[in-house]
N, C-alpha and C. Protein backbone atom coordinates (compact mmCIF):
# COMPACT_ATOMS: atom_id res chain seq x y z
N MET A 1 120.10 106.81 85.93
CA MET A 1 119.96 105.76 87.16
C MET A 1 121.91 106.00 86.90
N HIS A 2 122.16 105.71 85.73
CA HIS A 2 123.54 104.49 85.54
C HIS A 2 124.05 105.92 85.65
N GLY A 3 123.67 107.57 85.45
CA GLY A 3 124.91 108.31 85.48
C GLY A 3 125.30 109.04 87.29
N ASN A 4 124.96 107.99 88.22
CA ASN A 4 125.19 108.57 89.72
C ASN A 4 126.45 107.06 89.95
N LYS A 5 127.20 106.77 88.85
CA LYS A 5 128.12 105.73 88.99
C LYS A 5 129.57 107.64 89.87
N GLY A 6 131.02 106.86 90.81
CA GLY A 6 131.14 108.32 91.10
C GLY A 6 130.81 109.37 91.75
N LYS A 7 129.70 108.93 91.91
CA LYS A 7 128.84 109.72 93.50
C LYS A 7 128.88 109.85 94.62
N ASN A 8 128.54 110.23 95.17
CA ASN A 8 127.95 109.61 96.68
C ASN A 8 127.27 108.80 96.71
N CYS A 9 126.61 107.69 96.32
CA CYS A 9 125.83 106.62 95.83
C CYS A 9 125.96 106.14 97.63
N ARG A 10 125.14 105.56 97.87
CA ARG A 10 124.97 105.14 100.01
C ARG A 10 124.57 103.57 99.03
N LYS A 11 125.46 102.41 99.70
CA LYS A 11 125.28 101.06 99.67
C LYS A 11 124.35 100.71 100.27
N ILE A 12 124.13 100.14 99.66
CA ILE A 12 122.92 98.76 100.55
C ILE A 12 123.41 98.49 101.75
N THR A 13 124.40 98.35 102.10
CA THR A 13 124.91 97.94 103.98
C THR A 13 125.17 99.60 104.23
N ASP A 14 124.32 100.50 103.80
CA ASP A 14 124.89 101.68 104.27
C ASP A 14 122.73 102.10 105.43
N TYR A 15 121.82 100.88 104.62
CA TYR A 15 120.93 100.84 105.15
C TYR A 15 119.85 99.92 106.46
N GLY A 16 119.56 100.21 107.33
CA GLY A 16 118.76 99.25 108.36
C GLY A 16 118.01 99.50 108.43
N THR A 17 117.71 98.97 109.44
CA THR A 17 116.21 99.17 110.22
C THR A 17 115.49 100.57 110.85
N HIS A 18 117.06 100.98 110.92
CA HIS A 18 116.75 102.23 111.70
C HIS A 18 116.82 103.42 111.16
N ASP A 19 116.58 103.24 109.74
CA ASP A 19 116.12 104.42 108.59
C ASP A 19 114.97 104.08 109.16
N LEU A 20 114.64 103.55 108.70
CA LEU A 20 113.17 103.20 108.85
C LEU A 20 112.21 104.37 110.04
N PHE A 21 112.79 104.76 110.85
CA PHE A 21 112.40 105.90 111.99
C PHE A 21 113.59 107.44 111.33
N LEU A 22 114.06 107.73 110.10
CA LEU A 22 113.66 108.83 110.30
C LEU A 22 113.50 109.31 108.90
N GLY A 23 112.96 109.29 108.71
CA GLY A 23 111.66 110.16 107.85
C GLY A 23 110.84 109.62 108.23
N LYS A 24 110.11 111.17 107.26
CA LYS A 24 108.72 111.91 108.35
C LYS A 24 107.54 110.66 108.00
N ASN A 25 107.48 110.13 107.13
CA ASN A 25 106.41 108.88 107.35
C ASN A 25 106.53 107.57 107.63
N LEU A 26 106.87 108.04 108.96
CA LEU A 26 106.83 107.01 110.31
C LEU A 26 105.47 105.74 110.00
N ASP A 27 104.48 106.91 110.04
CA ASP A 27 103.13 106.85 110.20
C ASP A 27 103.41 105.56 109.36
N ILE A 28 103.12 105.31 107.95
CA ILE A 28 102.74 104.95 106.68
C ILE A 28 103.70 103.42 106.95
N VAL A 29 105.31 103.79 107.68
CA VAL A 29 106.00 103.03 107.43
C VAL A 29 105.32 101.25 108.63
N THR A 30 105.20 102.23 109.61
CA THR A 30 104.31 100.94 111.17
C THR A 30 103.24 100.64 110.54
N ALA A 31 101.99 101.37 109.41
CA ALA A 31 101.28 100.62 108.47
C ALA A 31 101.39 99.62 107.62
N ALA A 32 101.91 99.99 107.25
CA ALA A 32 102.93 98.92 106.16
C ALA A 32 103.07 97.95 106.98
N LEU A 33 103.52 97.89 107.78
CA LEU A 33 104.27 95.95 108.71
C LEU A 33 103.75 96.17 108.65
N LEU A 34 102.93 97.20 110.19
CA LEU A 34 101.17 96.01 110.37
C LEU A 34 100.81 94.81 109.58
N LEU A 35 99.86 95.85 108.56
CA LEU A 35 98.96 95.14 107.18
C LEU A 35 100.20 93.91 106.26
N THR A 36 101.06 93.52 106.53
CA THR A 36 102.98 92.92 106.28
C THR A 36 102.07 91.56 107.52
N GLY A 37 101.50 91.85 108.55
CA GLY A 37 102.56 90.45 109.61
C GLY A 37 103.66 91.04 110.48
N LYS A 38 105.05 91.85 109.76
CA LYS A 38 105.86 91.89 110.20
C LYS A 38 106.15 92.66 111.63
N LEU A 39 105.73 93.24 112.10
CA LEU A 39 105.21 94.02 112.72
C LEU A 39 104.31 93.80 114.11
N LYS A 40 104.72 93.22 115.42
CA LYS A 40 103.72 92.81 116.15
C LYS A 40 103.69 93.95 117.37
N VAL A 41 102.80 94.45 117.99
CA VAL A 41 102.14 94.62 118.61
C VAL A 41 102.07 93.88 119.98
N ASP A 42 101.74 94.51 121.08
CA ASP A 42 101.74 93.88 122.29
C ASP A 42 100.74 94.64 123.28
N SER A 43 101.40 95.87 123.70
CA SER A 43 100.03 97.13 123.68
C SER A 43 99.83 98.46 123.21
N VAL A 44 98.59 99.19 123.03
CA VAL A 44 98.66 100.15 122.73
C VAL A 44 98.60 101.00 123.44
N LYS A 45 98.91 102.73 123.94
CA LYS A 45 98.39 103.74 124.59
C LYS A 45 97.74 104.79 123.83
N LEU A 46 96.90 105.35 124.05
CA LEU A 46 96.49 106.41 123.11
C LEU A 46 96.47 107.57 124.36
N PHE A 47 96.60 108.49 123.65
CA PHE A 47 96.45 109.83 124.24
C PHE A 47 95.84 111.19 123.87
N ARG A 48 94.68 111.17 124.27
CA ARG A 48 94.48 112.53 123.05
C ARG A 48 94.32 113.64 123.99
N GLY A 49 94.49 114.72 123.05
CA GLY A 49 94.57 115.75 124.17
C GLY A 49 94.71 117.06 122.48
N SER A 50 93.05 117.85 123.05
CA SER A 50 94.14 118.50 122.00
C SER A 50 94.49 119.81 121.00
N PRO A 51 95.20 119.69 120.43
CA PRO A 51 94.33 119.04 119.06
C PRO A 51 95.52 117.89 118.46
N VAL A 52 96.24 117.21 119.79
CA VAL A 52 96.93 116.84 119.15
C VAL A 52 96.83 114.86 119.65
N VAL A 53 96.41 114.03 119.02
CA VAL A 53 95.99 112.64 119.25
C VAL A 53 97.64 111.71 119.05
N SER A 54 97.79 111.35 120.29
CA SER A 54 99.30 110.65 120.06
C SER A 54 99.01 108.55 120.38
N VAL A 55 99.75 107.85 119.02
CA VAL A 55 99.35 106.47 119.50
C VAL A 55 100.91 106.35 120.41
N GLU A 56 100.82 105.43 120.80
CA GLU A 56 102.34 104.47 121.36
C GLU A 56 101.72 103.34 121.30
N LEU A 57 102.83 102.39 120.17
CA LEU A 57 102.69 101.13 120.05
C LEU A 57 104.11 100.63 121.03
N LEU A 58 104.05 99.16 122.04
CA LEU A 58 105.13 98.51 121.62
C LEU A 58 104.86 97.17 121.25
N GLY A 59 106.22 97.49 120.87
CA GLY A 59 106.01 95.46 120.37
C GLY A 59 107.01 95.47 119.79
N LYS A 60 107.17 94.45 118.60
CA LYS A 60 108.87 94.23 118.28
C LYS A 60 108.66 93.81 116.48
N TYR A 61 109.84 94.24 115.80
CA TYR A 61 109.93 94.27 114.54
C TYR A 61 110.56 92.17 114.39
N LEU A 62 109.40 91.66 113.89
CA LEU A 62 109.18 90.23 113.94
C LEU A 62 110.37 90.12 112.58
N ASN A 63 111.46 89.64 112.57
CA ASN A 63 112.58 88.56 111.71
C ASN A 63 111.82 87.65 110.94
N ASN A 64 112.07 88.07 109.22
CA ASN A 64 111.13 86.42 108.52
C ASN A 64 112.14 86.15 108.13
N ASN A 65 112.51 84.24 108.62
CA ASN A 65 112.91 83.51 108.69
C ASN A 65 113.37 82.55 107.05
N ASN A 66 113.31 83.31 106.36
CA ASN A 66 112.43 82.72 104.76
C ASN A 66 113.38 82.37 104.22
N GLU A 67 113.90 80.79 103.66
CA GLU A 67 115.24 80.51 102.82
C GLU A 67 115.93 82.17 101.85
N LYS A 68 114.84 82.40 101.41
CA LYS A 68 114.81 82.82 99.70
C LYS A 68 116.17 83.98 100.85
N SER A 69 115.26 85.12 101.73
CA SER A 69 116.05 86.42 102.47
C SER A 69 116.94 86.23 102.65
N ASN A 70 117.02 84.41 103.51
CA ASN A 70 117.80 84.30 104.17
C ASN A 70 119.43 84.73 103.07
N LYS A 71 119.08 83.90 102.23
CA LYS A 71 120.10 83.66 100.83
C LYS A 71 120.77 85.48 100.66
N LEU A 72 119.22 85.94 100.32
CA LEU A 72 119.27 87.43 99.90
C LEU A 72 120.16 87.88 100.94
N ALA A 73 119.96 87.92 102.01
CA ALA A 73 121.19 88.55 103.28
C ALA A 73 122.80 88.31 103.52
N GLU A 74 122.72 86.34 103.06
CA GLU A 74 124.03 86.58 102.90
C GLU A 74 124.58 86.68 101.76
N PHE A 75 123.87 87.16 100.36
CA PHE A 75 124.83 87.63 99.34
C PHE A 75 125.03 88.88 99.07
N LEU A 76 124.24 90.26 99.58
CA LEU A 76 124.35 91.47 99.99
C LEU A 76 125.19 91.71 101.69
N LYS A 77 125.20 90.62 101.82
CA LYS A 77 126.51 90.43 103.03
C LYS A 77 127.78 90.26 102.16
N LYS A 78 128.27 89.49 101.92
CA LYS A 78 129.07 89.00 100.46
C LYS A 78 129.49 90.21 99.80
N ASN A 79 128.91 90.65 99.30
CA ASN A 79 128.77 91.81 98.45
C ASN A 79 128.47 93.35 98.74
N GLY A 80 128.92 93.71 99.70
CA GLY A 80 128.54 95.30 100.46
C GLY A 80 128.82 96.24 100.16
N ASP A 81 129.72 96.17 98.72
CA ASP A 81 130.11 97.41 98.29
C ASP A 81 129.02 97.73 97.39
N MET A 82 128.45 96.93 96.85
CA MET A 82 127.58 97.14 95.52
C MET A 82 126.88 98.28 95.96
N THR A 83 126.71 99.27 95.12
CA THR A 83 125.23 100.70 95.06
C THR A 83 123.25 100.46 95.31
N ILE A 84 123.37 101.32 95.68
CA ILE A 84 121.89 100.65 94.90
C ILE A 84 121.68 100.96 93.23
N ASP A 85 122.26 101.95 92.40
CA ASP A 85 122.11 101.48 91.21
C ASP A 85 122.33 100.29 90.81
N GLU A 86 123.90 100.39 91.66
CA GLU A 86 123.89 98.44 90.32
C GLU A 86 123.28 97.17 91.25
N VAL A 87 122.81 97.70 91.91
CA VAL A 87 121.53 96.27 92.62
C VAL A 87 120.18 97.05 91.43
N PHE A 88 119.09 98.00 91.28
CA PHE A 88 118.75 98.26 90.65
C PHE A 88 119.30 97.70 88.71
N GLU A 89 119.91 98.16 88.64
CA GLU A 89 120.62 97.38 87.50
C GLU A 89 119.67 96.30 87.07
N ALA A 90 121.10 95.37 88.10
CA ALA A 90 120.63 94.12 88.43
C ALA A 90 119.66 93.24 87.85
N PHE A 91 118.47 93.87 88.41
CA PHE A 91 117.31 93.74 88.67
C PHE A 91 116.62 94.06 87.54
N GLN A 92 117.35 95.14 86.88
CA GLN A 92 116.92 95.34 85.32
C GLN A 92 117.28 94.42 84.10
N LYS A 93 118.01 93.94 84.68
CA LYS A 93 118.92 92.62 83.49
C LYS A 93 118.16 91.63 83.27
N ARG A 94 117.55 91.32 85.13
CA ARG A 94 117.24 90.03 85.37
C ARG A 94 115.49 89.79 85.11
N MET A 95 115.03 90.93 84.36
CA MET A 95 113.05 91.79 84.02
C MET A 95 113.72 91.50 82.80
N GLU A 96 114.97 91.86 82.07
CA GLU A 96 114.79 91.92 80.69
C GLU A 96 114.71 90.46 80.29
N LYS A 97 115.73 89.51 80.75
CA LYS A 97 116.34 88.53 80.57
C LYS A 97 114.26 87.19 80.75
N ASP A 98 113.16 87.60 81.98
CA ASP A 98 112.79 87.45 81.74
C ASP A 98 111.83 87.10 80.04
N ASP A 99 111.42 88.44 79.83
CA ASP A 99 111.02 88.27 78.63
C ASP A 99 111.05 87.54 77.05
């Protein structure tokens, strides 16, 4: 984790909701968003063609407006030049502090 400093590390602000759609696990991401209530589905279209089954969901991603996530979003906006490694290092320090 600490050995990545100076390399091409992506910053937190480099990631967004659109990154969820780039991976091969879109079905898992969609299921997780549905189960956690983050994805509201208005309609479902199912197409069954041998050997493929296609499912189309129409809805929207729900933005959580809780105070803690808003504070974290503001912090990340102010500190957008932080790398993922630096964020994990801060989490690790915070967990060690609680012990």
